[in-house]
């Protein structure tokens, strides 16, 4: 398991991306109307639409971790080929577990 990204909600993805680029030299890895992925100081930050994703942090996991810790969870396929599931911690915070295709 390794850290992948933190996701923040944005009402306007394009405006938020522009702000991060202008103020923090963000490198935009992907952007569309519903989400963006940026890299700032070695950290990946996703901007997500409030109606599509909760704010969360994300770990990349492998098949072994999934079979040992997440075997009861359903992973959803994404447009980039990855799959993920969300869980909540005891305080209600969302954690995403992400698997890239082999």
PDB file of N, CA and C in Angstrom:
ATOM      1  N   UNK A   1       0.851  -1.164   0.000  1.00  0.00           N
ATOM      2  CA  UNK A   1       0.000   0.000   0.000  1.00  0.00           C
ATOM      3  C   UNK A   1       0.901   1.233   0.000  1.00  0.00           C
ATOM      4  N   UNK A   2       0.508   2.207  -0.834  1.00  0.00           N
ATOM      5  CA  UNK A   2       1.246   3.466  -0.854  1.00  0.00           C
ATOM      6  C   UNK A   2       0.276   4.620  -1.083  1.00  0.00           C
ATOM      7  N   UNK A   3       0.636   5.785  -0.563  1.00  0.00           N
ATOM      8  CA  UNK A   3      -0.194   6.969  -0.739  1.00  0.00           C
ATOM      9  C   UNK A   3      -0.291   7.317  -2.207  1.00  0.00           C
ATOM     10  N   UNK A   4      -1.505   7.677  -2.667  1.00  0.00           N
ATOM     11  CA  UNK A   4      -1.686   8.068  -4.062  1.00  0.00           C
ATOM     12  C   UNK A   4      -2.064   9.546  -4.189  1.00  0.00           C
ATOM     13  N   UNK A   5      -3.132   9.973  -3.514  1.00  0.00           N
ATOM     14  CA  UNK A   5      -3.549  11.368  -3.620  1.00  0.00           C
ATOM     15  C   UNK A   5      -4.515  11.752  -2.501  1.00  0.00           C
ATOM     16  N   UNK A   6      -4.734  13.042  -2.382  1.00  0.00           N
ATOM     17  CA  UNK A   6      -5.796  13.593  -1.549  1.00  0.00           C
ATOM     18  C   UNK A   6      -6.753  14.293  -2.503  1.00  0.00           C
ATOM     19  N   UNK A   7      -8.048  14.212  -2.215  1.00  0.00           N
ATOM     20  CA  UNK A   7      -9.051  14.825  -3.090  1.00  0.00           C
ATOM     21  C   UNK A   7      -9.812  15.907  -2.339  1.00  0.00           C
ATOM     22  N   UNK A   8      -9.911  17.058  -2.973  1.00  0.00           N
ATOM     23  CA  UNK A   8     -10.635  18.201  -2.443  1.00  0.00           C
ATOM     24  C   UNK A   8     -11.798  18.510  -3.372  1.00  0.00           C
ATOM     25  N   UNK A   9     -12.921  18.904  -2.823  1.00  0.00           N
ATOM     26  CA  UNK A   9     -14.054  19.263  -3.666  1.00  0.00           C
ATOM     27  C   UNK A   9     -13.899  20.672  -4.213  1.00  0.00           C
ATOM     28  N   UNK A  10     -14.393  20.853  -5.430  1.00  0.00           N
ATOM     29  CA  UNK A  10     -14.338  22.145  -6.105  1.00  0.00           C
ATOM     30  C   UNK A  10     -15.644  22.374  -6.845  1.00  0.00           C
ATOM     31  N   UNK A  11     -16.202  23.559  -6.676  1.00  0.00           N
ATOM     32  CA  UNK A  11     -17.425  23.924  -7.409  1.00  0.00           C
ATOM     33  C   UNK A  11     -17.129  24.277  -8.861  1.00  0.00           C
ATOM     34  N   UNK A  12     -15.878  24.667  -9.151  1.00  0.00           N
ATOM     35  CA  UNK A  12     -15.474  25.028 -10.506  1.00  0.00           C
ATOM     36  C   UNK A  12     -14.054  24.519 -10.731  1.00  0.00           C
ATOM     37  N   UNK A  13     -13.943  23.373 -11.365  1.00  0.00           N
ATOM     38  CA  UNK A  13     -12.646  22.708 -11.547  1.00  0.00           C
ATOM     39  C   UNK A  13     -11.658  23.619 -12.275  1.00  0.00           C
ATOM     40  N   UNK A  14     -12.082  24.221 -13.376  1.00  0.00           N
ATOM     41  CA  UNK A  14     -11.168  25.055 -14.178  1.00  0.00           C
ATOM     42  C   UNK A  14     -10.612  26.226 -13.361  1.00  0.00           C
ATOM     43  N   UNK A  15     -11.465  26.892 -12.610  1.00  0.00           N
ATOM     44  CA  UNK A  15     -10.991  28.021 -11.790  1.00  0.00           C
ATOM     45  C   UNK A  15     -10.035  27.552 -10.704  1.00  0.00           C
ATOM     46  N   UNK A  16     -10.348  26.423 -10.089  1.00  0.00           N
ATOM     47  CA  UNK A  16      -9.471  25.906  -9.040  1.00  0.00           C
ATOM     48  C   UNK A  16      -8.116  25.506  -9.599  1.00  0.00           C
ATOM     49  N   UNK A  17      -8.112  24.821 -10.738  1.00  0.00           N
ATOM     50  CA  UNK A  17      -6.853  24.426 -11.368  1.00  0.00           C
ATOM     51  C   UNK A  17      -6.025  25.662 -11.677  1.00  0.00           C
ATOM     52  N   UNK A  18      -6.648  26.661 -12.254  1.00  0.00           N
ATOM     53  CA  UNK A  18      -5.942  27.900 -12.593  1.00  0.00           C
ATOM     54  C   UNK A  18      -5.306  28.510 -11.344  1.00  0.00           C
ATOM     55  N   UNK A  19      -6.038  28.543 -10.234  1.00  0.00           N
ATOM     56  CA  UNK A  19      -5.525  29.103  -8.987  1.00  0.00           C
ATOM     57  C   UNK A  19      -4.301  28.333  -8.488  1.00  0.00           C
ATOM     58  N   UNK A  20      -4.384  26.999  -8.496  1.00  0.00           N
ATOM     59  CA  UNK A  20      -3.244  26.192  -8.036  1.00  0.00           C
ATOM     60  C   UNK A  20      -2.035  26.346  -8.967  1.00  0.00           C
ATOM     61  N   UNK A  21      -2.267  26.451 -10.247  1.00  0.00           N
ATOM     62  CA  UNK A  21      -1.164  26.639 -11.200  1.00  0.00           C
ATOM     63  C   UNK A  21      -0.506  27.998 -10.979  1.00  0.00           C
ATOM     64  N   UNK A  22      -1.312  29.038 -10.879  1.00  0.00           N
ATOM     65  CA  UNK A  22      -0.768  30.390 -10.724  1.00  0.00           C
ATOM     66  C   UNK A  22      -0.082  30.618  -9.378  1.00  0.00           C
ATOM     67  N   UNK A  23      -0.609  30.032  -8.321  1.00  0.00           N
ATOM     68  CA  UNK A  23      -0.085  30.299  -6.986  1.00  0.00           C
ATOM     69  C   UNK A  23       0.933  29.285  -6.486  1.00  0.00           C
ATOM     70  N   UNK A  24       0.870  28.065  -6.985  1.00  0.00           N
ATOM     71  CA  UNK A  24       1.743  27.008  -6.441  1.00  0.00           C
ATOM     72  C   UNK A  24       2.433  26.183  -7.519  1.00  0.00           C
ATOM     73  N   UNK A  25       2.446  26.689  -8.747  1.00  0.00           N
ATOM     74  CA  UNK A  25       3.122  26.021  -9.861  1.00  0.00           C
ATOM     75  C   UNK A  25       2.693  24.556 -10.018  1.00  0.00           C
ATOM     76  N   UNK A  26       1.415  24.306  -9.815  1.00  0.00           N
ATOM     77  CA  UNK A  26       0.905  22.944  -9.967  1.00  0.00           C
ATOM     78  C   UNK A  26       1.141  22.441 -11.378  1.00  0.00           C
ATOM     79  N   UNK A  27       1.515  21.193 -11.471  1.00  0.00           N
ATOM     80  CA  UNK A  27       1.626  20.516 -12.760  1.00  0.00           C
ATOM     81  C   UNK A  27       0.310  19.759 -12.962  1.00  0.00           C
ATOM     82  N   UNK A  28      -0.412  20.100 -14.015  1.00  0.00           N
ATOM     83  CA  UNK A  28      -1.707  19.477 -14.272  1.00  0.00           C
ATOM     84  C   UNK A  28      -1.478  18.156 -14.997  1.00  0.00           C
ATOM     85  N   UNK A  29      -1.896  17.063 -14.379  1.00  0.00           N
ATOM     86  CA  UNK A  29      -1.753  15.725 -14.966  1.00  0.00           C
ATOM     87  C   UNK A  29      -2.983  15.339 -15.783  1.00  0.00           C
ATOM     88  N   UNK A  30      -4.146  15.839 -15.363  1.00  0.00           N
ATOM     89  CA  UNK A  30      -5.395  15.582 -16.083  1.00  0.00           C
ATOM     90  C   UNK A  30      -6.397  16.642 -15.655  1.00  0.00           C
ATOM     91  N   UNK A  31      -7.255  17.059 -16.605  1.00  0.00           N
ATOM     92  CA  UNK A  31      -8.315  18.000 -16.265  1.00  0.00           C
ATOM     93  C   UNK A  31      -9.477  17.844 -17.230  1.00  0.00           C
ATOM     94  N   UNK A  32     -10.688  17.790 -16.677  1.00  0.00           N
ATOM     95  CA  UNK A  32     -11.902  17.934 -17.466  1.00  0.00           C
ATOM     96  C   UNK A  32     -12.911  18.701 -16.621  1.00  0.00           C
ATOM     97  N   UNK A  33     -14.167  18.728 -17.024  1.00  0.00           N
ATOM     98  CA  UNK A  33     -15.157  19.526 -16.299  1.00  0.00           C
ATOM     99  C   UNK A  33     -15.518  18.963 -14.930  1.00  0.00           C
ATOM    100  N   UNK A  34     -15.233  17.674 -14.689  1.00  0.00           N
ATOM    101  CA  UNK A  34     -15.689  17.037 -13.450  1.00  0.00           C
ATOM    102  C   UNK A  34     -14.584  16.705 -12.463  1.00  0.00           C
ATOM    103  N   UNK A  35     -13.339  16.642 -12.924  1.00  0.00           N
ATOM    104  CA  UNK A  35     -12.233  16.402 -11.991  1.00  0.00           C
ATOM    105  C   UNK A  35     -10.900  16.745 -12.635  1.00  0.00           C
ATOM    106  N   UNK A  36      -9.922  16.940 -11.782  1.00  0.00           N
ATOM    107  CA  UNK A  36      -8.562  17.223 -12.243  1.00  0.00           C
ATOM    108  C   UNK A  36      -7.587  16.542 -11.290  1.00  0.00           C
ATOM    109  N   UNK A  37      -6.425  16.218 -11.816  1.00  0.00           N
ATOM    110  CA  UNK A  37      -5.344  15.670 -11.000  1.00  0.00           C
ATOM    111  C   UNK A  37      -4.127  16.551 -11.231  1.00  0.00           C
ATOM    112  N   UNK A  38      -3.537  17.008 -10.117  1.00  0.00           N
ATOM    113  CA  UNK A  38      -2.371  17.880 -10.185  1.00  0.00           C
ATOM    114  C   UNK A  38      -1.276  17.329  -9.296  1.00  0.00           C
ATOM    115  N   UNK A  39      -0.070  17.784  -9.559  1.00  0.00           N
ATOM    116  CA  UNK A  39       1.046  17.460  -8.677  1.00  0.00           C
ATOM    117  C   UNK A  39       1.651  18.765  -8.182  1.00  0.00           C
ATOM    118  N   UNK A  40       1.800  18.845  -6.863  1.00  0.00           N
ATOM    119  CA  UNK A  40       2.407  20.020  -6.235  1.00  0.00           C
ATOM    120  C   UNK A  40       3.404  19.522  -5.202  1.00  0.00           C
ATOM    121  N   UNK A  41       4.651  19.927  -5.352  1.00  0.00           N
ATOM    122  CA  UNK A  41       5.708  19.572  -4.391  1.00  0.00           C
ATOM    123  C   UNK A  41       5.766  18.068  -4.133  1.00  0.00           C
ATOM    124  N   UNK A  42       5.572  17.283  -5.171  1.00  0.00           N
ATOM    125  CA  UNK A  42       5.655  15.834  -5.057  1.00  0.00           C
ATOM    126  C   UNK A  42       4.393  15.164  -4.569  1.00  0.00           C
ATOM    127  N   UNK A  43       3.364  15.936  -4.227  1.00  0.00           N
ATOM    128  CA  UNK A  43       2.090  15.356  -3.781  1.00  0.00           C
ATOM    129  C   UNK A  43       1.050  15.487  -4.887  1.00  0.00           C
ATOM    130  N   UNK A  44       0.218  14.461  -5.005  1.00  0.00           N
ATOM    131  CA  UNK A  44      -0.855  14.508  -5.991  1.00  0.00           C
ATOM    132  C   UNK A  44      -2.142  14.964  -5.299  1.00  0.00           C
ATOM    133  N   UNK A  45      -2.798  15.958  -5.929  1.00  0.00           N
ATOM    134  CA  UNK A  45      -4.042  16.508  -5.408  1.00  0.00           C
ATOM    135  C   UNK A  45      -5.090  16.405  -6.502  1.00  0.00           C
ATOM    136  N   UNK A  46      -6.202  15.768  -6.169  1.00  0.00           N
ATOM    137  CA  UNK A  46      -7.331  15.692  -7.088  1.00  0.00           C
ATOM    138  C   UNK A  46      -8.339  16.762  -6.705  1.00  0.00           C
ATOM    139  N   UNK A  47      -8.933  17.368  -7.698  1.00  0.00           N
ATOM    140  CA  UNK A  47     -10.065  18.256  -7.485  1.00  0.00           C
ATOM    141  C   UNK A  47     -11.278  17.537  -8.047  1.00  0.00           C
ATOM    142  N   UNK A  48     -12.310  17.385  -7.225  1.00  0.00           N
ATOM    143  CA  UNK A  48     -13.478  16.592  -7.623  1.00  0.00           C
ATOM    144  C   UNK A  48     -14.750  17.412  -7.484  1.00  0.00           C
ATOM    145  N   UNK A  49     -15.742  17.083  -8.299  1.00  0.00           N
ATOM    146  CA  UNK A  49     -17.045  17.727  -8.216  1.00  0.00           C
ATOM    147  C   UNK A  49     -17.798  17.196  -7.004  1.00  0.00           C
ATOM    148  N   UNK A  50     -18.429  18.074  -6.238  1.00  0.00           N
ATOM    149  CA  UNK A  50     -19.128  17.639  -5.027  1.00  0.00           C
ATOM    150  C   UNK A  50     -20.198  16.577  -5.264  1.00  0.00           C
ATOM    151  N   UNK A  51     -20.839  16.590  -6.423  1.00  0.00           N
ATOM    152  CA  UNK A  51     -21.891  15.609  -6.694  1.00  0.00           C
ATOM    153  C   UNK A  51     -21.353  14.268  -7.176  1.00  0.00           C
ATOM    154  N   UNK A  52     -20.035  14.149  -7.357  1.00  0.00           N
ATOM    155  CA  UNK A  52     -19.469  12.894  -7.856  1.00  0.00           C
ATOM    156  C   UNK A  52     -18.586  12.166  -6.848  1.00  0.00           C
ATOM    157  N   UNK A  53     -17.845  12.899  -6.032  1.00  0.00           N
ATOM    158  CA  UNK A  53     -16.902  12.274  -5.101  1.00  0.00           C
ATOM    159  C   UNK A  53     -16.881  13.023  -3.777  1.00  0.00           C
ATOM    160  N   UNK A  54     -16.717  12.307  -2.692  1.00  0.00           N
ATOM    161  CA  UNK A  54     -16.515  12.991  -1.413  1.00  0.00           C
ATOM    162  C   UNK A  54     -15.050  13.413  -1.286  1.00  0.00           C
ATOM    163  N   UNK A  55     -14.740  14.376  -0.430  1.00  0.00           N
ATOM    164  CA  UNK A  55     -13.335  14.643  -0.147  1.00  0.00           C
ATOM    165  C   UNK A  55     -12.750  13.384   0.506  1.00  0.00           C
ATOM    166  N   UNK A  56     -11.527  13.047   0.132  1.00  0.00           N
ATOM    167  CA  UNK A  56     -10.945  11.794   0.625  1.00  0.00           C
ATOM    168  C   UNK A  56      -9.438  11.801   0.443  1.00  0.00           C
ATOM    169  N   UNK A  57      -8.785  10.803   1.040  1.00  0.00           N
ATOM    170  CA  UNK A  57      -7.408  10.513   0.677  1.00  0.00           C
ATOM    171  C   UNK A  57      -7.386   9.104   0.123  1.00  0.00           C
ATOM    172  N   UNK A  58      -6.369   8.811  -0.682  1.00  0.00           N
ATOM    173  CA  UNK A  58      -6.369   7.580  -1.458  1.00  0.00           C
ATOM    174  C   UNK A  58      -5.039   6.854  -1.333  1.00  0.00           C
ATOM    175  N   UNK A  59      -5.149   5.530  -1.207  1.00  0.00           N
ATOM    176  CA  UNK A  59      -3.988   4.651  -1.209  1.00  0.00           C
ATOM    177  C   UNK A  59      -4.073   3.711  -2.398  1.00  0.00           C
ATOM    178  N   UNK A  60      -2.947   3.495  -3.055  1.00  0.00           N
ATOM    179  CA  UNK A  60      -2.865   2.488  -4.102  1.00  0.00           C
ATOM    180  C   UNK A  60      -2.584   1.143  -3.437  1.00  0.00           C
ATOM    181  N   UNK A  61      -3.329   0.124  -3.840  1.00  0.00           N
ATOM    182  CA  UNK A  61      -3.192  -1.200  -3.241  1.00  0.00           C
ATOM    183  C   UNK A  61      -3.021  -2.258  -4.327  1.00  0.00           C
ATOM    184  N   UNK A  62      -2.542  -3.433  -3.908  1.00  0.00           N
ATOM    185  CA  UNK A  62      -2.380  -4.540  -4.835  1.00  0.00           C
ATOM    186  C   UNK A  62      -3.396  -5.642  -4.517  1.00  0.00           C
ATOM    187  N   UNK A  63      -3.389  -6.696  -5.340  1.00  0.00           N
ATOM    188  CA  UNK A  63      -4.348  -7.787  -5.177  1.00  0.00           C
ATOM    189  C   UNK A  63      -4.234  -8.458  -3.812  1.00  0.00           C
ATOM    190  N   UNK A  64      -3.024  -8.593  -3.293  1.00  0.00           N
ATOM    191  CA  UNK A  64      -2.828  -9.233  -1.988  1.00  0.00           C
ATOM    192  C   UNK A  64      -3.521  -8.428  -0.892  1.00  0.00           C
ATOM    193  N   UNK A  65      -3.324  -7.111  -0.893  1.00  0.00           N
ATOM    194  CA  UNK A  65      -3.970  -6.258   0.100  1.00  0.00           C
ATOM    195  C   UNK A  65      -5.483  -6.361  -0.026  1.00  0.00           C
ATOM    196  N   UNK A  66      -5.974  -6.342  -1.251  1.00  0.00           N
ATOM    197  CA  UNK A  66      -7.426  -6.437  -1.465  1.00  0.00           C
ATOM    198  C   UNK A  66      -7.969  -7.745  -0.909  1.00  0.00           C
ATOM    199  N   UNK A  67      -7.294  -8.857  -1.198  1.00  0.00           N
ATOM    200  CA  UNK A  67      -7.803 -10.152  -0.723  1.00  0.00           C
ATOM    201  C   UNK A  67      -7.726 -10.274   0.801  1.00  0.00           C
ATOM    202  N   UNK A  68      -6.743  -9.625   1.426  1.00  0.00           N
ATOM    203  CA  UNK A  68      -6.580  -9.714   2.879  1.00  0.00           C
ATOM    204  C   UNK A  68      -7.434  -8.711   3.649  1.00  0.00           C
ATOM    205  N   UNK A  69      -7.630  -7.518   3.103  1.00  0.00           N
ATOM    206  CA  UNK A  69      -8.283  -6.446   3.867  1.00  0.00           C
ATOM    207  C   UNK A  69      -9.608  -5.948   3.279  1.00  0.00           C
ATOM    208  N   UNK A  70      -9.804  -6.156   1.984  1.00  0.00           N
ATOM    209  CA  UNK A  70     -10.961  -5.558   1.319  1.00  0.00           C
ATOM    210  C   UNK A  70     -11.776  -6.571   0.518  1.00  0.00           C
ATOM    211  N   UNK A  71     -11.685  -7.836   0.871  1.00  0.00           N
ATOM    212  CA  UNK A  71     -12.316  -8.883   0.057  1.00  0.00           C
ATOM    213  C   UNK A  71     -13.831  -8.732  -0.039  1.00  0.00           C
ATOM    214  N   UNK A  72     -14.451  -8.071   0.918  1.00  0.00           N
ATOM    215  CA  UNK A  72     -15.907  -7.914   0.883  1.00  0.00           C
ATOM    216  C   UNK A  72     -16.337  -6.649   0.127  1.00  0.00           C
ATOM    217  N   UNK A  73     -15.385  -5.856  -0.335  1.00  0.00           N
ATOM    218  CA  UNK A  73     -15.706  -4.589  -0.989  1.00  0.00           C
ATOM    219  C   UNK A  73     -15.836  -4.756  -2.497  1.00  0.00           C
ATOM    220  N   UNK A  74     -16.703  -3.968  -3.083  1.00  0.00           N
ATOM    221  CA  UNK A  74     -16.895  -3.952  -4.531  1.00  0.00           C
ATOM    222  C   UNK A  74     -16.070  -2.806  -5.107  1.00  0.00           C
ATOM    223  N   UNK A  75     -15.217  -3.112  -6.065  1.00  0.00           N
ATOM    224  CA  UNK A  75     -14.393  -2.110  -6.721  1.00  0.00           C
ATOM    225  C   UNK A  75     -15.086  -1.646  -7.998  1.00  0.00           C
ATOM    226  N   UNK A  76     -15.156  -0.333  -8.176  1.00  0.00           N
ATOM    227  CA  UNK A  76     -15.792   0.276  -9.345  1.00  0.00           C
ATOM    228  C   UNK A  76     -14.730   0.631 -10.374  1.00  0.00           C
ATOM    229  N   UNK A  77     -14.993   0.306 -11.641  1.00  0.00           N
ATOM    230  CA  UNK A  77     -14.061   0.647 -12.725  1.00  0.00           C
ATOM    231  C   UNK A  77     -14.201   2.118 -13.086  1.00  0.00           C
ATOM    232  N   UNK A  78     -13.046   2.745 -13.380  1.00  0.00           N
ATOM    233  CA  UNK A  78     -13.012   4.150 -13.775  1.00  0.00           C
ATOM    234  C   UNK A  78     -12.592   4.269 -15.243  1.00  0.00           C
ATOM    235  N   UNK A  79     -12.817   5.446 -15.804  1.00  0.00           N
ATOM    236  CA  UNK A  79     -12.527   5.680 -17.221  1.00  0.00           C
ATOM    237  C   UNK A  79     -11.049   5.555 -17.573  1.00  0.00           C
ATOM    238  N   UNK A  80     -10.156   5.673 -16.574  1.00  0.00           N
ATOM    239  CA  UNK A  80      -8.720   5.560 -16.843  1.00  0.00           C
ATOM    240  C   UNK A  80      -8.203   4.124 -16.700  1.00  0.00           C
ATOM    241  N   UNK A  81      -9.108   3.165 -16.471  1.00  0.00           N
ATOM    242  CA  UNK A  81      -8.708   1.768 -16.350  1.00  0.00           C
ATOM    243  C   UNK A  81      -8.484   1.308 -14.916  1.00  0.00           C
ATOM    244  N   UNK A  82      -8.422   2.237 -13.978  1.00  0.00           N
ATOM    245  CA  UNK A  82      -8.239   1.870 -12.579  1.00  0.00           C
ATOM    246  C   UNK A  82      -9.568   1.400 -11.992  1.00  0.00           C
ATOM    247  N   UNK A  83      -9.483   0.831 -10.798  1.00  0.00           N
ATOM    248  CA  UNK A  83     -10.666   0.424 -10.051  1.00  0.00           C
ATOM    249  C   UNK A  83     -10.472   0.887  -8.612  1.00  0.00           C
ATOM    250  N   UNK A  84     -11.578   1.222  -7.944  1.00  0.00           N
ATOM    251  CA  UNK A  84     -11.436   1.641  -6.554  1.00  0.00           C
ATOM    252  C   UNK A  84     -12.699   1.368  -5.749  1.00  0.00           C
ATOM    253  N   UNK A  85     -12.520   1.444  -4.446  1.00  0.00           N
ATOM    254  CA  UNK A  85     -13.643   1.397  -3.516  1.00  0.00           C
ATOM    255  C   UNK A  85     -13.378   2.412  -2.424  1.00  0.00           C
ATOM    256  N   UNK A  86     -14.448   2.826  -1.772  1.00  0.00           N
ATOM    257  CA  UNK A  86     -14.353   3.763  -0.657  1.00  0.00           C
ATOM    258  C   UNK A  86     -14.804   3.070   0.620  1.00  0.00           C
ATOM    259  N   UNK A  87     -14.157   3.431   1.721  1.00  0.00           N
ATOM    260  CA  UNK A  87     -14.627   3.041   3.046  1.00  0.00           C
ATOM    261  C   UNK A  87     -14.622   4.302   3.900  1.00  0.00           C
ATOM    262  N   UNK A  88     -15.235   4.217   5.060  1.00  0.00           N
ATOM    263  CA  UNK A  88     -15.195   5.327   6.019  1.00  0.00           C
ATOM    264  C   UNK A  88     -14.426   4.875   7.252  1.00  0.00           C
ATOM    265  N   UNK A  89     -13.650   5.799   7.794  1.00  0.00           N
ATOM    266  CA  UNK A  89     -12.973   5.511   9.056  1.00  0.00           C
ATOM    267  C   UNK A  89     -13.962   5.725  10.209  1.00  0.00           C
ATOM    268  N   UNK A  90     -13.575   5.472  11.457  1.00  0.00           N
ATOM    269  CA  UNK A  90     -14.510   5.621  12.576  1.00  0.00           C
ATOM    270  C   UNK A  90     -15.105   7.025  12.741  1.00  0.00           C
ATOM    271  N   UNK A  91     -14.436   8.044  12.167  1.00  0.00           N
ATOM    272  CA  UNK A  91     -14.932   9.413  12.259  1.00  0.00           C
ATOM    273  C   UNK A  91     -15.732   9.844  11.040  1.00  0.00           C
ATOM    274  N   UNK A  92     -15.949   8.929  10.097  1.00  0.00           N
ATOM    275  CA  UNK A  92     -16.742   9.244   8.914  1.00  0.00           C
ATOM    276  C   UNK A  92     -15.959   9.773   7.735  1.00  0.00           C
ATOM    277  N   UNK A  93     -14.619   9.865   7.852  1.00  0.00           N
ATOM    278  CA  UNK A  93     -13.792  10.320   6.733  1.00  0.00           C
ATOM    279  C   UNK A  93     -13.707   9.231   5.680  1.00  0.00           C
ATOM    280  N   UNK A  94     -13.703   9.638   4.416  1.00  0.00           N
ATOM    281  CA  UNK A  94     -13.614   8.674   3.326  1.00  0.00           C
ATOM    282  C   UNK A  94     -12.162   8.348   2.989  1.00  0.00           C
ATOM    283  N   UNK A  95     -11.909   7.080   2.752  1.00  0.00           N
ATOM    284  CA  UNK A  95     -10.620   6.592   2.269  1.00  0.00           C
ATOM    285  C   UNK A  95     -10.905   5.812   0.991  1.00  0.00           C
ATOM    286  N   UNK A  96     -10.178   6.138  -0.058  1.00  0.00           N
ATOM    287  CA  UNK A  96     -10.306   5.416  -1.317  1.00  0.00           C
ATOM    288  C   UNK A  96      -9.136   4.446  -1.434  1.00  0.00           C
ATOM    289  N   UNK A  97      -9.419   3.226  -1.893  1.00  0.00           N
ATOM    290  CA  UNK A  97      -8.378   2.246  -2.203  1.00  0.00           C
ATOM    291  C   UNK A  97      -8.411   2.023  -3.716  1.00  0.00           C
ATOM    292  N   UNK A  98      -7.283   2.216  -4.338  1.00  0.00           N
ATOM    293  CA  UNK A  98      -7.160   2.262  -5.796  1.00  0.00           C
ATOM    294  C   UNK A  98      -6.283   1.141  -6.299  1.00  0.00           C
ATOM    295  N   UNK A  99      -6.737   0.466  -7.344  1.00  0.00           N
ATOM    296  CA  UNK A  99      -5.950  -0.575  -7.995  1.00  0.00           C
ATOM    297  C   UNK A  99      -5.824  -0.253  -9.471  1.00  0.00           C
ATOM    298  N   UNK A 100      -4.591  -0.245  -9.947  1.00  0.00           N
ATOM    299  CA  UNK A 100      -4.334  -0.038 -11.374  1.00  0.00           C
ATOM    300  C   UNK A 100      -4.350  -1.389 -12.070  1.00  0.00           C
ATOM    301  N   UNK A 101      -4.701  -1.411 -13.338  1.00  0.00           N
ATOM    302  CA  UNK A 101      -4.701  -2.704 -14.067  1.00  0.00           C
ATOM    303  C   UNK A 101      -3.298  -3.279 -14.132  1.00  0.00           C
ATOM    304  N   UNK A 102      -3.241  -4.608 -14.152  1.00  0.00           N
ATOM    305  CA  UNK A 102      -1.934  -5.302 -14.222  1.00  0.00           C
ATOM    306  C   UNK A 102      -1.285  -5.117 -15.568  1.00  0.00           C
TER     307      UNK A 102
END
